[in-house]
Amino acid sequence: MTEEPNPAAGPTEEQPSLRRTPSQKRSRERVEHILSCARTLIEGKGSDAMRMSEVAEMAGISIGSLYQYFPDKAAIVHTLAERYNAASRDCIASEFAKVATLAELRSAFSALVDTYYDMFLAEPVMRDIWSAMQADKALRKIELAESRANGRLLAKTWARVRPETPRQRIEDAALLIMHLGECTMRLAVSVDRSEGDRIVAAFKHMILREIVADAT
Protein backbone atom coordinates (compact mmCIF):
# COMPACT_ATOMS: atom_id res chain seq x y z
CA MET A 1 0.00 0.00 0.00
CA THR A 2 2.02 3.00 -1.22
CA GLU A 3 1.34 6.34 0.39
CA GLU A 4 2.30 9.98 0.09
CA PRO A 5 4.68 10.92 2.89
CA ASN A 6 3.23 12.76 5.85
CA PRO A 7 6.00 14.01 8.15
CA ALA A 8 3.46 14.84 10.86
CA ALA A 9 2.11 11.31 11.04
CA GLY A 10 3.24 9.13 13.90
CA PRO A 11 3.90 5.38 13.66
CA THR A 12 0.89 3.48 12.36
CA GLU A 13 2.12 -0.13 12.30
CA GLU A 14 0.42 -1.17 15.49
CA GLN A 15 -2.84 0.79 15.31
CA PRO A 16 -3.66 2.65 12.09
CA SER A 17 -6.88 4.51 12.82
CA LEU A 18 -8.42 7.90 13.38
CA ARG A 19 -5.87 10.42 14.66
CA ARG A 20 -8.52 11.87 16.94
CA THR A 21 -12.14 11.02 17.62
CA PRO A 22 -14.35 13.98 16.64
CA SER A 23 -16.66 15.20 19.38
CA GLN A 24 -18.42 18.07 17.63
CA LYS A 25 -21.20 17.44 15.13
CA ARG A 26 -19.42 19.35 12.39
CA SER A 27 -16.25 17.30 12.82
CA ARG A 28 -18.19 14.03 12.86
CA GLU A 29 -19.94 15.03 9.67
CA ARG A 30 -16.59 15.86 8.08
CA VAL A 31 -15.20 12.43 9.00
CA GLU A 32 -18.26 10.73 7.52
CA HIS A 33 -17.86 12.80 4.34
CA ILE A 34 -14.19 11.85 4.10
CA LEU A 35 -15.03 8.16 4.50
CA SER A 36 -17.79 8.44 1.90
CA CYS A 37 -15.34 9.96 -0.58
CA ALA A 38 -12.79 7.26 0.21
CA ARG A 39 -15.39 4.55 -0.42
CA THR A 40 -16.20 6.11 -3.79
CA LEU A 41 -12.54 6.20 -4.77
CA ILE A 42 -11.92 2.65 -3.58
CA GLU A 43 -14.92 1.39 -5.51
CA GLY A 44 -13.69 3.12 -8.65
CA LYS A 45 -9.97 2.34 -8.57
CA GLY A 46 -9.18 0.19 -5.53
CA SER A 47 -7.55 1.12 -2.24
CA ASP A 48 -4.04 0.46 -3.54
CA ALA A 49 -4.36 3.16 -6.20
CA MET A 50 -6.21 5.63 -3.99
CA ARG A 51 -4.12 8.58 -2.82
CA MET A 52 -4.67 10.80 0.20
CA SER A 53 -4.51 13.88 -2.05
CA GLU A 54 -7.44 12.49 -4.07
CA VAL A 55 -9.49 11.92 -0.94
CA ALA A 56 -8.82 15.50 0.20
CA GLU A 57 -9.71 16.91 -3.22
CA MET A 58 -12.96 14.97 -3.47
CA ALA A 59 -13.88 15.89 0.10
CA GLY A 60 -13.20 19.54 -0.62
CA ILE A 61 -10.64 19.97 2.17
CA SER A 62 -6.92 20.62 2.35
CA ILE A 63 -4.49 17.72 2.69
CA GLY A 64 -3.51 19.14 6.07
CA SER A 65 -7.12 19.00 7.25
CA LEU A 66 -7.35 15.38 6.09
CA TYR A 67 -4.23 14.47 8.06
CA GLN A 68 -5.80 15.98 11.16
CA TYR A 69 -8.21 13.06 11.13
CA PHE A 70 -6.39 10.27 9.32
CA PRO A 71 -2.58 9.92 9.54
CA ASP A 72 -2.38 7.80 6.39
CA LYS A 73 -4.32 5.67 3.94
CA ALA A 74 -4.12 2.60 6.19
CA ALA A 75 -6.05 4.54 8.82
CA ILE A 76 -8.89 5.14 6.36
CA VAL A 77 -8.96 1.47 5.36
CA HIS A 78 -8.87 0.48 9.04
CA THR A 79 -11.79 2.76 9.91
CA LEU A 80 -13.89 1.46 7.02
CA ALA A 81 -13.04 -2.11 7.99
CA GLU A 82 -14.09 -1.38 11.58
CA ARG A 83 -17.50 -0.29 10.32
CA TYR A 84 -18.02 -3.53 8.43
CA ASN A 85 -16.62 -5.58 11.31
CA ALA A 86 -19.01 -3.98 13.80
CA ALA A 87 -21.97 -4.68 11.53
CA SER A 88 -20.85 -8.30 11.13
CA ARG A 89 -20.40 -8.81 14.88
CA ASP A 90 -23.84 -7.40 15.57
CA CYS A 91 -25.35 -9.75 12.99
CA ILE A 92 -23.50 -12.77 14.42
CA ALA A 93 -24.39 -11.93 18.02
CA SER A 94 -28.04 -11.39 17.14
CA GLU A 95 -28.31 -14.68 15.25
CA PHE A 96 -26.52 -16.75 17.90
CA ALA A 97 -28.50 -15.20 20.76
CA LYS A 98 -31.57 -17.11 19.56
CA VAL A 99 -29.81 -20.49 19.50
CA ALA A 100 -30.88 -23.08 22.07
CA THR A 101 -30.13 -26.41 20.35
CA LEU A 102 -27.45 -27.91 18.12
CA ALA A 103 -29.89 -27.92 15.20
CA GLU A 104 -30.53 -24.23 15.72
CA LEU A 105 -26.78 -23.56 15.82
CA ARG A 106 -26.37 -25.31 12.49
CA SER A 107 -29.25 -23.34 11.00
CA ALA A 108 -27.95 -20.03 12.37
CA PHE A 109 -24.43 -20.66 11.10
CA SER A 110 -25.70 -21.55 7.65
CA ALA A 111 -27.80 -18.39 7.52
CA LEU A 112 -24.86 -16.25 8.63
CA VAL A 113 -22.61 -17.64 5.90
CA ASP A 114 -25.25 -16.81 3.30
CA THR A 115 -25.70 -13.30 4.72
CA TYR A 116 -21.97 -12.63 4.77
CA TYR A 117 -21.55 -13.89 1.22
CA ASP A 118 -24.36 -11.58 0.08
CA MET A 119 -22.58 -8.67 1.81
CA PHE A 120 -19.35 -9.37 -0.06
CA LEU A 121 -21.20 -9.64 -3.38
CA ALA A 122 -23.16 -6.44 -2.81
CA GLU A 123 -20.25 -4.31 -1.54
CA PRO A 124 -17.29 -4.09 -3.96
CA VAL A 125 -15.62 -1.73 -1.47
CA MET A 126 -15.78 -4.39 1.23
CA ARG A 127 -13.98 -6.85 -1.02
CA ASP A 128 -11.20 -4.41 -1.81
CA ILE A 129 -10.77 -3.43 1.84
CA TRP A 130 -10.32 -7.05 2.87
CA SER A 131 -7.79 -7.55 0.07
CA ALA A 132 -5.90 -4.45 1.18
CA MET A 133 -5.73 -5.77 4.72
CA GLN A 134 -3.77 -8.79 3.54
CA ALA A 135 -0.94 -6.58 2.29
CA ASP A 136 -0.46 -4.61 5.50
CA LYS A 137 1.02 -6.14 8.65
CA ALA A 138 -0.90 -3.92 11.06
CA LEU A 139 -4.17 -4.47 9.23
CA ARG A 140 -3.64 -8.24 9.25
CA LYS A 141 -3.43 -8.05 13.04
CA ILE A 142 -6.81 -6.32 13.04
CA GLU A 143 -8.28 -9.08 10.89
CA LEU A 144 -6.94 -11.72 13.27
CA ALA A 145 -8.44 -9.87 16.24
CA GLU A 146 -11.78 -9.84 14.42
CA SER A 147 -11.56 -13.59 13.77
CA ARG A 148 -10.91 -14.11 17.48
CA ALA A 149 -13.88 -11.94 18.46
CA ASN A 150 -16.21 -13.77 16.10
CA GLY A 151 -14.72 -17.10 17.19
CA ARG A 152 -15.59 -16.28 20.80
CA LEU A 153 -19.18 -15.60 19.79
CA LEU A 154 -19.39 -18.98 18.06
CA ALA A 155 -17.58 -20.79 20.89
CA LYS A 156 -19.89 -19.34 23.53
CA THR A 157 -22.96 -20.51 21.62
CA TRP A 158 -21.45 -23.89 20.76
CA ALA A 159 -20.50 -24.52 24.38
CA ARG A 160 -24.00 -23.58 25.49
CA VAL A 161 -25.63 -26.28 23.35
CA ARG A 162 -22.83 -28.87 23.83
CA PRO A 163 -21.60 -28.28 27.41
CA GLU A 164 -20.07 -31.75 27.60
CA THR A 165 -17.54 -30.97 24.84
CA PRO A 166 -14.13 -29.76 26.10
CA ARG A 167 -14.18 -25.98 25.93
CA GLN A 168 -10.66 -25.68 24.51
CA ARG A 169 -11.61 -27.93 21.61
CA ILE A 170 -14.63 -25.73 20.89
CA GLU A 171 -12.63 -22.50 21.10
CA ASP A 172 -9.89 -23.75 18.78
CA ALA A 173 -12.41 -25.00 16.25
CA ALA A 174 -14.49 -21.82 16.45
CA LEU A 175 -11.49 -19.57 15.78
CA LEU A 176 -10.44 -21.70 12.83
CA ILE A 177 -13.98 -21.75 11.43
CA MET A 178 -14.41 -17.99 11.59
CA HIS A 179 -10.97 -17.27 10.11
CA LEU A 180 -11.54 -19.77 7.30
CA GLY A 181 -14.88 -18.12 6.68
CA GLU A 182 -13.12 -14.85 5.83
CA CYS A 183 -10.72 -16.66 3.50
CA THR A 184 -13.61 -18.49 1.86
CA MET A 185 -15.45 -15.26 1.10
CA ARG A 186 -12.39 -13.64 -0.47
CA LEU A 187 -11.86 -16.69 -2.66
CA ALA A 188 -15.52 -16.95 -3.60
CA VAL A 189 -15.79 -13.35 -4.82
CA SER A 190 -12.52 -13.59 -6.80
CA VAL A 191 -13.90 -16.25 -9.17
CA ASP A 192 -17.02 -16.33 -11.32
CA ARG A 193 -20.35 -16.43 -9.51
CA SER A 194 -21.20 -20.08 -10.16
CA GLU A 195 -17.84 -21.29 -8.85
CA GLY A 196 -18.09 -18.88 -5.92
CA ASP A 197 -21.48 -20.31 -5.00
CA ARG A 198 -20.04 -23.82 -5.03
CA ILE A 199 -17.09 -22.78 -2.87
CA VAL A 200 -19.38 -21.24 -0.25
CA ALA A 201 -21.65 -24.31 -0.32
CA ALA A 202 -18.62 -26.59 0.16
CA PHE A 203 -17.43 -24.50 3.11
CA LYS A 204 -20.84 -24.69 4.77
CA HIS A 205 -21.02 -28.44 4.23
CA MET A 206 -17.55 -28.94 5.70
CA ILE A 207 -18.22 -26.82 8.79
CA LEU A 208 -21.71 -28.16 9.45
CA ARG A 209 -20.28 -31.68 9.24
CA GLU A 210 -17.74 -30.69 11.93
CA ILE A 211 -20.53 -29.44 14.19
CA VAL A 212 -22.43 -32.69 13.67
CA ALA A 213 -19.31 -34.68 14.44
CA ASP A 214 -19.11 -32.84 17.75
CA ALA A 215 -22.54 -34.19 18.63
CA THR A 216 -21.42 -37.77 18.12
Foldseek 3Di string as FASTA:
>chain_A
DDADDDVVFDDPQAPFAWPDDDDDPVVVVLVVLLLVLQLVVCLVPRLVPDYLCSSCVVSVHDSVVVCNTGVISVRSLVVVVVVVLVVLLVLLLVQLVPDQALVSLLVSVLVSLVVVLVVCVVRVSNLRSLVVLVVGNNSVVVVLVSLLSQLVSSLVSLCNHVVVDPSVVSSVLSSVLSSVSSVLSNVLVVDDPVVSVVSSVVSSVVVSVVSVVSVD
